[in-house]
PDB file of N, CA and C in Angstrom:
ATOM      1  N   MET A   1    -189.821   3.864  83.607  1.00  0.00           N
ATOM      2  CA  MET A   1    -190.346   4.273  84.893  1.00  0.00           C
ATOM      3  C   MET A   1    -191.684   3.573  85.136  1.00  0.00           C
ATOM      4  N   GLU A   2    -191.852   3.051  86.327  1.00  0.00           N
ATOM      5  CA  GLU A   2    -193.101   2.386  86.693  1.00  0.00           C
ATOM      6  C   GLU A   2    -193.931   3.325  87.561  1.00  0.00           C
ATOM      7  N   ALA A   3    -195.201   3.464  87.232  1.00  0.00           N
ATOM      8  CA  ALA A   3    -196.101   4.312  88.015  1.00  0.00           C
ATOM      9  C   ALA A   3    -197.091   3.435  88.770  1.00  0.00           C
ATOM     10  N   ARG A   4    -197.255   3.757  90.055  1.00  0.00           N
ATOM     11  CA  ARG A   4    -198.258   3.078  90.881  1.00  0.00           C
ATOM     12  C   ARG A   4    -199.172   4.141  91.479  1.00  0.00           C
ATOM     13  N   PHE A   5    -200.441   3.818  91.522  1.00  0.00           N
ATOM     14  CA  PHE A   5    -201.428   4.768  92.006  1.00  0.00           C
ATOM     15  C   PHE A   5    -202.107   4.219  93.254  1.00  0.00           C
ATOM     16  N   GLU A   6    -201.978   4.947  94.362  1.00  0.00           N
ATOM     17  CA  GLU A   6    -202.605   4.555  95.620  1.00  0.00           C
ATOM     18  C   GLU A   6    -204.118   4.723  95.512  1.00  0.00           C
ATOM     19  N   ALA A   7    -204.852   3.990  96.323  1.00  0.00           N
ATOM     20  CA  ALA A   7    -206.317   4.038  96.314  1.00  0.00           C
ATOM     21  C   ALA A   7    -206.836   5.455  96.562  1.00  0.00           C
ATOM     22  N   ALA A   8    -206.205   6.191  97.468  1.00  0.00           N
ATOM     23  CA  ALA A   8    -206.645   7.563  97.778  1.00  0.00           C
ATOM     24  C   ALA A   8    -206.499   8.472  96.567  1.00  0.00           C
ATOM     25  N   PHE A   9    -205.443   8.276  95.783  1.00  0.00           N
ATOM     26  CA  PHE A   9    -205.232   9.069  94.572  1.00  0.00           C
ATOM     27  C   PHE A   9    -206.329   8.773  93.552  1.00  0.00           C
ATOM     28  N   LEU A  10    -206.603   7.499  93.328  1.00  0.00           N
ATOM     29  CA  LEU A  10    -207.621   7.107  92.348  1.00  0.00           C
ATOM     30  C   LEU A  10    -209.012   7.573  92.771  1.00  0.00           C
ATOM     31  N   LYS A  11    -209.302   7.502  94.055  1.00  0.00           N
ATOM     32  CA  LYS A  11    -210.596   7.962  94.567  1.00  0.00           C
ATOM     33  C   LYS A  11    -210.746   9.474  94.333  1.00  0.00           C
ATOM     34  N   ALA A  12    -209.700  10.226  94.604  1.00  0.00           N
ATOM     35  CA  ALA A  12    -209.727  11.674  94.394  1.00  0.00           C
ATOM     36  C   ALA A  12    -209.856  12.015  92.913  1.00  0.00           C
ATOM     37  N   LEU A  13    -209.232  11.212  92.058  1.00  0.00           N
ATOM     38  CA  LEU A  13    -209.325  11.437  90.620  1.00  0.00           C
ATOM     39  C   LEU A  13    -210.764  11.284  90.139  1.00  0.00           C
ATOM     40  N   LYS A  14    -211.467  10.307  90.662  1.00  0.00           N
ATOM     41  CA  LYS A  14    -212.886  10.131  90.321  1.00  0.00           C
ATOM     42  C   LYS A  14    -213.711  11.317  90.826  1.00  0.00           C
ATOM     43  N   LYS A  15    -213.399  11.760  92.036  1.00  0.00           N
ATOM     44  CA  LYS A  15    -214.133  12.874  92.647  1.00  0.00           C
ATOM     45  C   LYS A  15    -213.938  14.170  91.856  1.00  0.00           C
ATOM     46  N   HIS A  16    -212.742  14.359  91.329  1.00  0.00           N
ATOM     47  CA  HIS A  16    -212.404  15.582  90.595  1.00  0.00           C
ATOM     48  C   HIS A  16    -212.225  15.287  89.100  1.00  0.00           C
ATOM     49  N   ALA A  17    -213.163  14.576  88.533  1.00  0.00           N
ATOM     50  CA  ALA A  17    -213.079  14.135  87.136  1.00  0.00           C
ATOM     51  C   ALA A  17    -212.969  15.291  86.147  1.00  0.00           C
ATOM     52  N   SER A  18    -213.426  16.472  86.527  1.00  0.00           N
ATOM     53  CA  SER A  18    -213.400  17.618  85.618  1.00  0.00           C
ATOM     54  C   SER A  18    -211.975  18.045  85.247  1.00  0.00           C
ATOM     55  N   ILE A  19    -210.990  17.667  86.056  1.00  0.00           N
ATOM     56  CA  ILE A  19    -209.606  18.037  85.738  1.00  0.00           C
ATOM     57  C   ILE A  19    -208.759  16.814  85.377  1.00  0.00           C
ATOM     58  N   LYS A  20    -209.425  15.750  84.991  1.00  0.00           N
ATOM     59  CA  LYS A  20    -208.729  14.490  84.684  1.00  0.00           C
ATOM     60  C   LYS A  20    -207.641  14.666  83.620  1.00  0.00           C
ATOM     61  N   LYS A  21    -207.926  15.451  82.574  1.00  0.00           N
ATOM     62  CA  LYS A  21    -206.934  15.662  81.508  1.00  0.00           C
ATOM     63  C   LYS A  21    -205.713  16.416  82.031  1.00  0.00           C
ATOM     64  N   LEU A  22    -205.947  17.418  82.879  1.00  0.00           N
ATOM     65  CA  LEU A  22    -204.825  18.159  83.474  1.00  0.00           C
ATOM     66  C   LEU A  22    -203.981  17.247  84.349  1.00  0.00           C
ATOM     67  N   VAL A  23    -204.645  16.403  85.128  1.00  0.00           N
ATOM     68  CA  VAL A  23    -203.933  15.471  86.008  1.00  0.00           C
ATOM     69  C   VAL A  23    -203.112  14.493  85.182  1.00  0.00           C
ATOM     70  N   LYS A  24    -203.700  13.954  84.122  1.00  0.00           N
ATOM     71  CA  LYS A  24    -202.968  13.012  83.259  1.00  0.00           C
ATOM     72  C   LYS A  24    -201.722  13.671  82.668  1.00  0.00           C
ATOM     73  N   ARG A  25    -201.858  14.912  82.233  1.00  0.00           N
ATOM     74  CA  ARG A  25    -200.719  15.635  81.656  1.00  0.00           C
ATOM     75  C   ARG A  25    -199.611  15.798  82.707  1.00  0.00           C
ATOM     76  N   LYS A  26    -199.991  16.171  83.932  1.00  0.00           N
ATOM     77  CA  LYS A  26    -198.996  16.334  85.000  1.00  0.00           C
ATOM     78  C   LYS A  26    -198.364  14.998  85.392  1.00  0.00           C
ATOM     79  N   VAL A  27    -199.166  13.948  85.470  1.00  0.00           N
ATOM     80  CA  VAL A  27    -198.639  12.618  85.786  1.00  0.00           C
ATOM     81  C   VAL A  27    -197.608  12.214  84.736  1.00  0.00           C
ATOM     82  N   ASP A  28    -197.906  12.437  83.458  1.00  0.00           N
ATOM     83  CA  ASP A  28    -196.960  12.109  82.390  1.00  0.00           C
ATOM     84  C   ASP A  28    -195.661  12.906  82.530  1.00  0.00           C
ATOM     85  N   MET A  29    -195.784  14.186  82.898  1.00  0.00           N
ATOM     86  CA  MET A  29    -194.598  15.026  83.094  1.00  0.00           C
ATOM     87  C   MET A  29    -193.772  14.535  84.280  1.00  0.00           C
ATOM     88  N   ILE A  30    -194.436  14.130  85.346  1.00  0.00           N
ATOM     89  CA  ILE A  30    -193.735  13.614  86.528  1.00  0.00           C
ATOM     90  C   ILE A  30    -193.004  12.320  86.186  1.00  0.00           C
ATOM     91  N   ILE A  31    -193.665  11.438  85.459  1.00  0.00           N
ATOM     92  CA  ILE A  31    -193.039  10.173  85.058  1.00  0.00           C
ATOM     93  C   ILE A  31    -191.804  10.435  84.197  1.00  0.00           C
ATOM     94  N   GLU A  32    -191.891  11.437  83.349  1.00  0.00           N
ATOM     95  CA  GLU A  32    -190.773  11.799  82.462  1.00  0.00           C
ATOM     96  C   GLU A  32    -189.558  12.293  83.265  1.00  0.00           C
ATOM     97  N   ASN A  33    -189.790  13.130  84.271  1.00  0.00           N
ATOM     98  CA  ASN A  33    -188.693  13.687  85.054  1.00  0.00           C
ATOM     99  C   ASN A  33    -189.184  14.054  86.455  1.00  0.00           C
ATOM    100  N   PRO A  34    -189.265  13.077  87.356  1.00  0.00           N
ATOM    101  CA  PRO A  34    -189.896  13.284  88.661  1.00  0.00           C
ATOM    102  C   PRO A  34    -189.222  14.314  89.566  1.00  0.00           C
ATOM    103  N   ILE A  35    -187.930  14.471  89.438  1.00  0.00           N
ATOM    104  CA  ILE A  35    -187.223  15.397  90.321  1.00  0.00           C
ATOM    105  C   ILE A  35    -187.356  16.838  89.826  1.00  0.00           C
ATOM    106  N   ALA A  36    -187.299  17.039  88.519  1.00  0.00           N
ATOM    107  CA  ALA A  36    -187.349  18.391  87.969  1.00  0.00           C
ATOM    108  C   ALA A  36    -188.735  19.021  88.105  1.00  0.00           C
ATOM    109  N   ILE A  37    -189.775  18.231  88.019  1.00  0.00           N
ATOM    110  CA  ILE A  37    -191.133  18.780  88.007  1.00  0.00           C
ATOM    111  C   ILE A  37    -191.693  18.964  89.413  1.00  0.00           C
ATOM    112  N   GLY A  38    -191.237  18.181  90.366  1.00  0.00           N
ATOM    113  CA  GLY A  38    -191.795  18.237  91.711  1.00  0.00           C
ATOM    114  C   GLY A  38    -190.947  19.016  92.691  1.00  0.00           C
ATOM    115  N   GLU A  39    -191.568  19.364  93.799  1.00  0.00           N
ATOM    116  CA  GLU A  39    -190.878  20.075  94.873  1.00  0.00           C
ATOM    117  C   GLU A  39    -190.784  19.147  96.081  1.00  0.00           C
ATOM    118  N   PRO A  40    -189.566  18.908  96.592  1.00  0.00           N
ATOM    119  CA  PRO A  40    -189.438  18.034  97.761  1.00  0.00           C
ATOM    120  C   PRO A  40    -190.121  18.661  98.980  1.00  0.00           C
ATOM    121  N   LEU A  41    -190.803  17.827  99.731  1.00  0.00           N
ATOM    122  CA  LEU A  41    -191.517  18.302 100.912  1.00  0.00           C
ATOM    123  C   LEU A  41    -190.679  18.090 102.167  1.00  0.00           C
ATOM    124  N   LYS A  42    -191.075  18.755 103.238  1.00  0.00           N
ATOM    125  CA  LYS A  42    -190.310  18.713 104.492  1.00  0.00           C
ATOM    126  C   LYS A  42    -191.228  18.309 105.640  1.00  0.00           C
ATOM    127  N   GLY A  43    -190.640  18.196 106.802  1.00  0.00           N
ATOM    128  CA  GLY A  43    -191.405  17.910 108.012  1.00  0.00           C
ATOM    129  C   GLY A  43    -192.066  16.549 107.962  1.00  0.00           C
ATOM    130  N   ASN A  44    -193.345  16.497 108.283  1.00  0.00           N
ATOM    131  CA  ASN A  44    -194.090  15.233 108.283  1.00  0.00           C
ATOM    132  C   ASN A  44    -194.177  14.601 106.898  1.00  0.00           C
ATOM    133  N   TRP A  45    -193.934  15.386 105.878  1.00  0.00           N
ATOM    134  CA  TRP A  45    -194.028  14.898 104.495  1.00  0.00           C
ATOM    135  C   TRP A  45    -192.654  14.643 103.882  1.00  0.00           C
ATOM    136  N   ARG A  46    -191.614  14.561 104.714  1.00  0.00           N
ATOM    137  CA  ARG A  46    -190.258  14.302 104.221  1.00  0.00           C
ATOM    138  C   ARG A  46    -190.245  13.036 103.372  1.00  0.00           C
ATOM    139  N   GLY A  47    -189.586  13.109 102.207  1.00  0.00           N
ATOM    140  CA  GLY A  47    -189.507  11.972 101.292  1.00  0.00           C
ATOM    141  C   GLY A  47    -190.502  12.072 100.152  1.00  0.00           C
ATOM    142  N   PHE A  48    -191.533  12.876 100.333  1.00  0.00           N
ATOM    143  CA  PHE A  48    -192.554  13.056  99.305  1.00  0.00           C
ATOM    144  C   PHE A  48    -192.255  14.287  98.456  1.00  0.00           C
ATOM    145  N   TYR A  49    -192.886  14.352  97.290  1.00  0.00           N
ATOM    146  CA  TYR A  49    -192.809  15.506  96.408  1.00  0.00           C
ATOM    147  C   TYR A  49    -194.223  15.997  96.137  1.00  0.00           C
ATOM    148  N   SER A  50    -194.339  17.290  95.831  1.00  0.00           N
ATOM    149  CA  SER A  50    -195.631  17.818  95.406  1.00  0.00           C
ATOM    150  C   SER A  50    -195.465  18.509  94.063  1.00  0.00           C
ATOM    151  N   CYS A  51    -196.537  18.502  93.306  1.00  0.00           N
ATOM    152  CA  CYS A  51    -196.553  19.130  91.996  1.00  0.00           C
ATOM    153  C   CYS A  51    -197.926  19.766  91.807  1.00  0.00           C
ATOM    154  N   PRO A  52    -197.972  21.060  91.470  1.00  0.00           N
ATOM    155  CA  PRO A  52    -199.271  21.685  91.255  1.00  0.00           C
ATOM    156  C   PRO A  52    -199.912  21.213  89.951  1.00  0.00           C
ATOM    157  N   VAL A  53    -201.208  20.975  90.004  1.00  0.00           N
ATOM    158  CA  VAL A  53    -201.968  20.633  88.802  1.00  0.00           C
ATOM    159  C   VAL A  53    -202.538  21.921  88.225  1.00  0.00           C
ATOM    160  N   LYS A  54    -203.136  22.699  89.104  1.00  0.00           N
ATOM    161  CA  LYS A  54    -203.604  24.039  88.777  1.00  0.00           C
ATOM    162  C   LYS A  54    -203.571  24.839  90.059  1.00  0.00           C
ATOM    163  N   ARG A  55    -203.933  26.041  90.013  1.00  0.00           N
ATOM    164  CA  ARG A  55    -203.775  27.005  91.106  1.00  0.00           C
ATOM    165  C   ARG A  55    -203.611  26.430  92.521  1.00  0.00           C
ATOM    166  N   ASN A  56    -204.611  25.861  93.109  1.00  0.00           N
ATOM    167  CA  ASN A  56    -204.535  25.384  94.485  1.00  0.00           C
ATOM    168  C   ASN A  56    -204.758  23.871  94.566  1.00  0.00           C
ATOM    169  N   PHE A  57    -204.378  23.163  93.523  1.00  0.00           N
ATOM    170  CA  PHE A  57    -204.643  21.733  93.417  1.00  0.00           C
ATOM    171  C   PHE A  57    -203.321  21.014  93.181  1.00  0.00           C
ATOM    172  N   ILE A  58    -203.013  19.993  93.997  1.00  0.00           N
ATOM    173  CA  ILE A  58    -201.688  19.368  93.910  1.00  0.00           C
ATOM    174  C   ILE A  58    -201.752  17.841  93.820  1.00  0.00           C
ATOM    175  N   ILE A  59    -200.639  17.308  93.341  1.00  0.00           N
ATOM    176  CA  ILE A  59    -200.375  15.867  93.347  1.00  0.00           C
ATOM    177  C   ILE A  59    -199.236  15.660  94.345  1.00  0.00           C
ATOM    178  N   ILE A  60    -199.380  14.671  95.217  1.00  0.00           N
ATOM    179  CA  ILE A  60    -198.290  14.289  96.124  1.00  0.00           C
ATOM    180  C   ILE A  60    -197.836  12.890  95.720  1.00  0.00           C
ATOM    181  N   TYR A  61    -196.521  12.738  95.553  1.00  0.00           N
ATOM    182  CA  TYR A  61    -195.985  11.457  95.093  1.00  0.00           C
ATOM    183  C   TYR A  61    -194.642  11.148  95.742  1.00  0.00           C
ATOM    184  N   LEU A  62    -194.238   9.893  95.602  1.00  0.00           N
ATOM    185  CA  LEU A  62    -192.934   9.400  96.055  1.00  0.00           C
ATOM    186  C   LEU A  62    -192.136   8.914  94.850  1.00  0.00           C
ATOM    187  N   TYR A  63    -190.855   9.173  94.858  1.00  0.00           N
ATOM    188  CA  TYR A  63    -189.957   8.606  93.851  1.00  0.00           C
ATOM    189  C   TYR A  63    -189.007   7.694  94.629  1.00  0.00           C
ATOM    190  N   CYS A  64    -189.200   6.408  94.503  1.00  0.00           N
ATOM    191  CA  CYS A  64    -188.529   5.417  95.356  1.00  0.00           C
ATOM    192  C   CYS A  64    -187.010   5.523  95.348  1.00  0.00           C
ATOM    193  N   GLU A  65    -186.408   5.742  94.199  1.00  0.00           N
ATOM    194  CA  GLU A  65    -184.954   5.813  94.117  1.00  0.00           C
ATOM    195  C   GLU A  65    -184.396   6.934  94.997  1.00  0.00           C
ATOM    196  N   VAL A  66    -184.975   8.118  94.891  1.00  0.00           N
ATOM    197  CA  VAL A  66    -184.500   9.257  95.672  1.00  0.00           C
ATOM    198  C   VAL A  66    -184.828   9.067  97.151  1.00  0.00           C
ATOM    199  N   CYS A  67    -185.991   8.521  97.435  1.00  0.00           N
ATOM    200  CA  CYS A  67    -186.393   8.260  98.817  1.00  0.00           C
ATOM    201  C   CYS A  67    -185.344   7.387  99.517  1.00  0.00           C
ATOM    202  N   ARG A  68    -184.898   6.369  98.852  1.00  0.00           N
ATOM    203  CA  ARG A  68    -183.896   5.457  99.426  1.00  0.00           C
ATOM    204  C   ARG A  68    -182.527   6.114  99.534  1.00  0.00           C
ATOM    205  N   LYS A  69    -182.127   6.847  98.489  1.00  0.00           N
ATOM    206  CA  LYS A  69    -180.807   7.488  98.500  1.00  0.00           C
ATOM    207  C   LYS A  69    -180.685   8.491  99.627  1.00  0.00           C
ATOM    208  N   LYS A  70    -181.759   9.215  99.916  1.00  0.00           N
ATOM    209  CA  LYS A  70    -181.736  10.212 100.987  1.00  0.00           C
ATOM    210  C   LYS A  70    -181.957   9.589 102.365  1.00  0.00           C
ATOM    211  N   GLY A  71    -182.315   8.315 102.397  1.00  0.00           N
ATOM    212  CA  GLY A  71    -182.591   7.657 103.662  1.00  0.00           C
ATOM    213  C   GLY A  71    -183.981   7.964 104.198  1.00  0.00           C
ATOM    214  N   ASP A  72    -184.823   8.564 103.360  1.00  0.00           N
ATOM    215  CA  ASP A  72    -186.181   8.914 103.777  1.00  0.00           C
ATOM    216  C   ASP A  72    -187.084   7.691 103.892  1.00  0.00           C
ATOM    217  N   ASN A  73    -186.664   6.572 103.334  1.00  0.00           N
ATOM    218  CA  ASN A  73    -187.491   5.357 103.406  1.00  0.00           C
ATOM    219  C   ASN A  73    -187.713   4.905 104.846  1.00  0.00           C
ATOM    220  N   ALA A  74    -186.806   5.266 105.737  1.00  0.00           N
ATOM    221  CA  ALA A  74    -186.991   4.938 107.153  1.00  0.00           C
ATOM    222  C   ALA A  74    -188.116   5.779 107.765  1.00  0.00           C
ATOM    223  N   VAL A  75    -188.310   6.985 107.241  1.00  0.00           N
ATOM    224  CA  VAL A  75    -189.360   7.876 107.735  1.00  0.00           C
ATOM    225  C   VAL A  75    -190.693   7.550 107.066  1.00  0.00           C
ATOM    226  N   VAL A  76    -190.662   7.378 105.754  1.00  0.00           N
ATOM    227  CA  VAL A  76    -191.884   7.114 104.986  1.00  0.00           C
ATOM    228  C   VAL A  76    -192.441   5.738 105.330  1.00  0.00           C
ATOM    229  N   ALA A  77    -191.570   4.752 105.402  1.00  0.00           N
ATOM    230  CA  ALA A  77    -191.910   3.389 105.806  1.00  0.00           C
ATOM    231  C   ALA A  77    -193.058   2.772 105.009  1.00  0.00           C
ATOM    232  N   CYS A  78    -192.910   2.732 103.697  1.00  0.00           N
ATOM    233  CA  CYS A  78    -193.907   2.063 102.852  1.00  0.00           C
ATOM    234  C   CYS A  78    -193.921   0.570 103.167  1.00  0.00           C
ATOM    235  N   SER A  79    -195.082  -0.001 103.223  1.00  0.00           N
ATOM    236  CA  SER A  79    -195.189  -1.426 103.555  1.00  0.00           C
ATOM    237  C   SER A  79    -194.589  -2.310 102.466  1.00  0.00           C
ATOM    238  N   ASP A  80    -194.552  -1.824 101.232  1.00  0.00           N
ATOM    239  CA  ASP A  80    -194.026  -2.612 100.114  1.00  0.00           C
ATOM    240  C   ASP A  80    -192.656  -2.124  99.644  1.00  0.00           C
ATOM    241  N   CYS A  81    -191.945  -1.378 100.476  1.00  0.00           N
ATOM    242  CA  CYS A  81    -190.665  -0.775 100.079  1.00  0.00           C
ATOM    243  C   CYS A  81    -189.667  -1.814  99.566  1.00  0.00           C
ATOM    244  N   GLN A  82    -189.523  -2.916 100.273  1.00  0.00           N
ATOM    245  CA  GLN A  82    -188.543  -3.932  99.894  1.00  0.00           C
ATOM    246  C   GLN A  82    -188.839  -4.560  98.530  1.00  0.00           C
ATOM    247  N   ASP A  83    -190.106  -4.606  98.150  1.00  0.00           N
ATOM    248  CA  ASP A  83    -190.516  -5.250  96.897  1.00  0.00           C
ATOM    249  C   ASP A  83    -190.675  -4.276  95.732  1.00  0.00           C
ATOM    250  N   THR A  84    -190.443  -2.988  95.978  1.00  0.00           N
ATOM    251  CA  THR A  84    -190.662  -1.966  94.964  1.00  0.00           C
ATOM    252  C   THR A  84    -189.343  -1.567  94.310  1.00  0.00           C
ATOM    253  N   PRO A  85    -189.264  -1.631  92.973  1.00  0.00           N
ATOM    254  CA  PRO A  85    -188.034  -1.234  92.278  1.00  0.00           C
ATOM    255  C   PRO A  85    -187.743   0.261  92.447  1.00  0.00           C
ATOM    256  N   ASP A  86    -186.468   0.629  92.332  1.00  0.00           N
ATOM    257  CA  ASP A  86    -186.043   2.032  92.445  1.00  0.00           C
ATOM    258  C   ASP A  86    -186.748   2.947  91.448  1.00  0.00           C
ATOM    259  N   ASN A  87    -187.011   2.444  90.236  1.00  0.00           N
ATOM    260  CA  ASN A  87    -187.572   3.295  89.190  1.00  0.00           C
ATOM    261  C   ASN A  87    -189.100   3.439  89.294  1.00  0.00           C
ATOM    262  N   THR A  88    -189.624   3.364  90.508  1.00  0.00           N
ATOM    263  CA  THR A  88    -191.065   3.445  90.738  1.00  0.00           C
ATOM    264  C   THR A  88    -191.445   4.819  91.273  1.00  0.00           C
ATOM    265  N   ILE A  89    -192.538   5.333  90.750  1.00  0.00           N
ATOM    266  CA  ILE A  89    -193.147   6.556  91.272  1.00  0.00           C
ATOM    267  C   ILE A  89    -194.507   6.158  91.813  1.00  0.00           C
ATOM    268  N   LYS A  90    -194.743   6.506  93.075  1.00  0.00           N
ATOM    269  CA  LYS A  90    -196.029   6.207  93.707  1.00  0.00           C
ATOM    270  C   LYS A  90    -196.827   7.499  93.824  1.00  0.00           C
ATOM    271  N   PHE A  91    -197.957   7.542  93.156  1.00  0.00           N
ATOM    272  CA  PHE A  91    -198.843   8.692  93.242  1.00  0.00           C
ATOM    273  C   PHE A  91    -199.759   8.462  94.436  1.00  0.00           C
ATOM    274  N   VAL A  92    -199.591   9.287  95.462  1.00  0.00           N
ATOM    275  CA  VAL A  92    -200.205   9.047  96.767  1.00  0.00           C
ATOM    276  C   VAL A  92    -201.517   9.801  96.945  1.00  0.00           C
ATOM    277  N   LEU A  93    -201.496  11.106  96.724  1.00  0.00           N
ATOM    278  CA  LEU A  93    -202.676  11.937  96.954  1.00  0.00           C
ATOM    279  C   LEU A  93    -202.882  12.945  95.837  1.00  0.00           C
ATOM    280  N   LEU A  94    -204.119  13.367  95.709  1.00  0.00           N
ATOM    281  CA  LEU A  94    -204.509  14.378  94.729  1.00  0.00           C
ATOM    282  C   LEU A  94    -205.610  15.195  95.367  1.00  0.00           C
ATOM    283  N   GLY A  95    -205.501  16.509  95.283  1.00  0.00           N
ATOM    284  CA  GLY A  95    -206.579  17.315  95.824  1.00  0.00           C
ATOM    285  C   GLY A  95    -206.197  18.757  96.056  1.00  0.00           C
ATOM    286  N   PRO A  96    -207.159  19.531  96.577  1.00  0.00           N
ATOM    287  CA  PRO A  96    -206.854  20.913  96.951  1.00  0.00           C
ATOM    288  C   PRO A  96    -205.729  20.925  97.980  1.00  0.00           C
ATOM    289  N   HIS A  97    -204.879  21.918  97.912  1.00  0.00           N
ATOM    290  CA  HIS A  97    -203.690  22.015  98.752  1.00  0.00           C
ATOM    291  C   HIS A  97    -203.977  21.703 100.218  1.00  0.00           C
ATOM    292  N   ASP A  98    -204.896  22.411 100.829  1.00  0.00           N
ATOM    293  CA  ASP A  98    -205.156  22.225 102.259  1.00  0.00           C
ATOM    294  C   ASP A  98    -205.721  20.842 102.584  1.00  0.00           C
ATOM    295  N   ASP A  99    -206.541  20.299 101.695  1.00  0.00           N
ATOM    296  CA  ASP A  99    -207.091  18.951 101.910  1.00  0.00           C
ATOM    297  C   ASP A  99    -205.994  17.892 101.822  1.00  0.00           C
ATOM    298  N   ALA A 100    -205.124  18.036 100.835  1.00  0.00           N
ATOM    299  CA  ALA A 100    -204.068  17.045 100.612  1.00  0.00           C
ATOM    300  C   ALA A 100    -203.114  16.965 101.810  1.00  0.00           C
ATOM    301  N   TYR A 101    -202.799  18.117 102.396  1.00  0.00           N
ATOM    302  CA  TYR A 101    -201.894  18.131 103.529  1.00  0.00           C
ATOM    303  C   TYR A 101    -202.604  17.906 104.857  1.00  0.00           C
ATOM    304  N   GLY A 102    -203.914  17.733 104.813  1.00  0.00           N
ATOM    305  CA  GLY A 102    -204.666  17.480 106.027  1.00  0.00           C
ATOM    306  C   GLY A 102    -204.753  18.666 106.958  1.00  0.00           C
ATOM    307  N   ILE A 103    -204.737  19.852 106.380  1.00  0.00           N
ATOM    308  CA  ILE A 103    -204.795  21.089 107.190  1.00  0.00           C
ATOM    309  C   ILE A 103    -206.233  21.388 107.559  1.00  0.00           C
TER     310      ILE A 103
END
């Protein structure tokens, strides 16, 4: 499995360095089994998955293989979709629940 980290995810990781070990543990679990550990999102976030790090703190990610199989790639429209292998997980956002969803 290939993991890619978006700039927003890495920036948030620096901002919330106190939970870096928890985030690393969750990232490793997601890489191991992305579908079992995450919850598929709906609406504007269709195609993405979320995974809690701790109480009100989440990781939002994409699993390219499932995104394509469900046809969500037309909605998500990643600029590098054509060049990204199916076995790729893109870690998009990290943060408090309401901040991550832009509420």
